[in-house]
Protein backbone atom coordinates (compact mmCIF):
# COMPACT_ATOMS: atom_id res chain seq x y z
CA MET A 1 -0.12 -0.10 0.08
CA ASN A 2 1.24 3.53 -1.00
CA HIS A 3 0.69 5.99 1.79
CA LYS A 4 0.79 8.96 -1.06
CA PHE A 5 -1.57 11.36 0.49
CA ASN A 6 -1.70 13.66 3.32
CA VAL A 7 -4.47 15.06 5.55
CA GLY A 8 -6.29 17.59 3.67
CA ASP A 9 -5.65 16.19 0.13
CA LYS A 10 -8.55 16.41 -2.05
CA LYS A 11 -10.30 14.38 -5.05
CA THR A 12 -13.14 15.86 -6.90
CA TYR A 13 -15.65 13.82 -8.95
CA TYR A 14 -18.34 15.13 -11.03
CA LYS A 15 -21.75 13.20 -11.79
CA VAL A 16 -24.82 14.53 -13.72
CA VAL A 17 -27.90 13.06 -11.78
CA LYS A 18 -29.78 10.72 -14.20
CA THR A 19 -33.47 9.31 -14.24
CA GLU A 20 -32.07 6.14 -12.53
CA ASP A 21 -30.65 7.96 -9.70
CA VAL A 22 -34.09 9.19 -8.51
CA ALA A 23 -35.79 7.96 -5.23
CA ALA A 24 -37.76 4.76 -6.15
CA PHE A 25 -38.60 1.53 -4.46
CA GLU A 26 -40.56 -1.55 -5.82
CA GLY A 27 -40.68 0.20 -9.13
CA GLY A 28 -42.57 3.20 -8.04
CA VAL A 29 -40.98 6.79 -7.95
CA VAL A 30 -41.12 8.72 -4.61
CA HIS A 31 -39.61 11.90 -5.63
CA GLU A 32 -38.01 12.94 -9.09
CA VAL A 33 -34.74 14.03 -7.18
CA CYS A 34 -31.46 12.45 -6.59
CA SER A 35 -32.05 9.55 -4.01
CA THR A 36 -29.91 9.40 -0.79
CA PHE A 37 -28.82 5.72 -1.77
CA ALA A 38 -27.42 7.00 -5.36
CA LEU A 39 -25.70 9.80 -3.30
CA ALA A 40 -24.09 7.05 -1.43
CA ARG A 41 -22.90 5.20 -4.28
CA GLU A 42 -21.32 8.30 -5.74
CA ILE A 43 -19.98 9.42 -2.16
CA GLU A 44 -18.04 6.05 -1.82
CA TRP A 45 -16.68 6.34 -5.40
CA SER A 46 -15.17 10.01 -4.69
CA SER A 47 -13.36 8.59 -1.77
CA ARG A 48 -12.33 5.44 -3.59
CA LEU A 49 -10.48 7.52 -6.05
CA PHE A 50 -7.71 7.89 -3.40
CA ILE A 51 -7.85 4.01 -2.78
CA LEU A 52 -7.12 3.28 -6.48
CA GLU A 53 -4.05 5.25 -6.29
CA MET A 54 -3.00 3.75 -2.78
CA LYS A 55 -3.65 -0.09 -3.39
CA GLU A 56 -0.99 -2.51 -4.66
CA GLU A 57 -1.65 -5.18 -7.31
CA ASN A 58 -2.34 -7.69 -4.72
CA GLU A 59 -4.62 -5.49 -2.55
CA GLU A 60 -8.07 -4.22 -2.67
CA GLY A 61 -10.16 -1.64 -0.95
CA ILE A 62 -13.19 -2.45 1.29
CA GLY A 63 -15.79 -0.13 2.74
CA THR A 64 -15.83 0.38 6.66
CA LEU A 65 -17.93 3.57 6.95
CA LEU A 66 -20.66 5.52 5.26
CA GLU A 67 -22.34 8.44 6.84
CA ILE A 68 -24.68 10.88 4.86
CA GLU A 69 -26.31 14.02 5.83
CA HIS A 70 -28.81 14.76 2.88
CA ARG A 71 -29.37 18.52 3.07
CA SER A 72 -30.95 19.75 -0.27
CA PRO A 73 -32.41 17.93 -3.33
CA ALA A 74 -30.73 17.60 -6.64
CA MET A 75 -32.76 17.55 -9.66
CA VAL A 76 -32.32 15.10 -12.73
CA GLY A 77 -29.70 16.91 -15.16
CA ASP A 78 -27.96 18.71 -12.19
CA GLU A 79 -24.31 18.16 -11.99
CA LEU A 80 -23.14 17.07 -8.64
CA THR A 81 -19.54 18.41 -7.56
CA ILE A 82 -18.30 15.64 -4.86
CA GLU A 83 -15.23 16.41 -3.11
CA ALA A 84 -13.56 13.90 -0.85
CA THR A 85 -10.98 15.18 1.52
CA VAL A 86 -8.41 13.11 3.54
CA LEU A 87 -9.28 13.10 7.18
CA THR A 88 -7.17 10.60 8.62
CA GLN A 89 -4.92 7.81 7.37
CA GLU A 90 -3.80 5.31 9.92
CA LYS A 91 -2.37 2.01 9.07
CA ASN A 92 -4.38 0.67 6.24
CA GLU A 93 -7.67 2.55 6.86
CA LEU A 94 -8.41 5.92 4.98
CA ILE A 95 -11.28 8.29 6.31
CA CYS A 96 -12.33 11.02 4.18
CA GLU A 97 -14.72 14.01 4.62
CA ILE A 98 -17.30 14.37 1.65
CA GLU A 99 -18.98 17.46 0.44
CA VAL A 100 -21.73 17.49 -2.36
CA LYS A 101 -22.76 20.52 -4.14
CA VAL A 102 -24.88 21.49 -7.12
CA GLY A 103 -23.11 24.88 -7.95
CA GLU A 104 -22.71 26.75 -4.55
CA ARG A 105 -25.68 24.90 -3.06
CA LEU A 106 -24.71 22.16 -0.61
CA ILE A 107 -26.45 19.00 -1.31
CA ALA A 108 -24.85 16.70 1.09
CA LEU A 109 -22.08 16.30 3.83
CA GLY A 110 -20.66 12.83 4.51
CA LYS A 111 -17.90 10.79 5.70
CA THR A 112 -16.33 7.44 4.26
CA GLY A 113 -13.90 4.87 5.62
CA GLN A 114 -12.16 2.15 3.60
CA LYS A 115 -9.37 -0.24 4.40
CA ILE A 116 -7.02 -1.59 2.03
CA LEU A 117 -6.30 -5.31 2.47
CA LYS A 118 -4.53 -8.22 0.69
CA LYS A 119 -6.80 -9.82 -2.01
CA ASP A 120 -6.01 -13.26 -0.42
CA LYS A 121 -7.00 -12.09 2.83
CA LEU A 122 -10.46 -10.77 1.42
CA ASN A 123 -11.15 -13.81 -0.33
CA ALA A 124 -10.36 -15.90 2.94
CA ILE A 125 -13.04 -13.66 4.88
CA PHE A 126 -15.49 -14.08 2.05
CA GLY A 127 -15.07 -17.68 1.39
CA ALA A 128 -15.46 -18.44 5.33
CA LEU A 129 -18.84 -16.71 5.18
CA LYS A 130 -20.12 -18.73 2.31
CA GLN A 131 -19.78 -22.11 4.22
């Protein structure tokens, strides 16, 4: 694992809200706005951008923490700016603070955690759970 980032380092990711991102359950649309669960996916991806540069060939990242405070709606067609900032990096775990905006309007605040583990170890953990 490469420890190439420092506290305060940032990654920014852009995502246009699509129809498939709206709040819908069991085939019924609740609201024509970006759902909290779609935000969760994009928030995790924004911090994974760090992991992609940190992990070695024989390693992989795995989520450990996801917090979202959804503050304002984002409409279909809006472009989300998702900024992940390194909060801590201890041993093999990276914790990021996340801010999601449309323009200057705050959409969500969040926090993610990911650990980097050897692929063999992950496969062993997953394999033990299948038995």
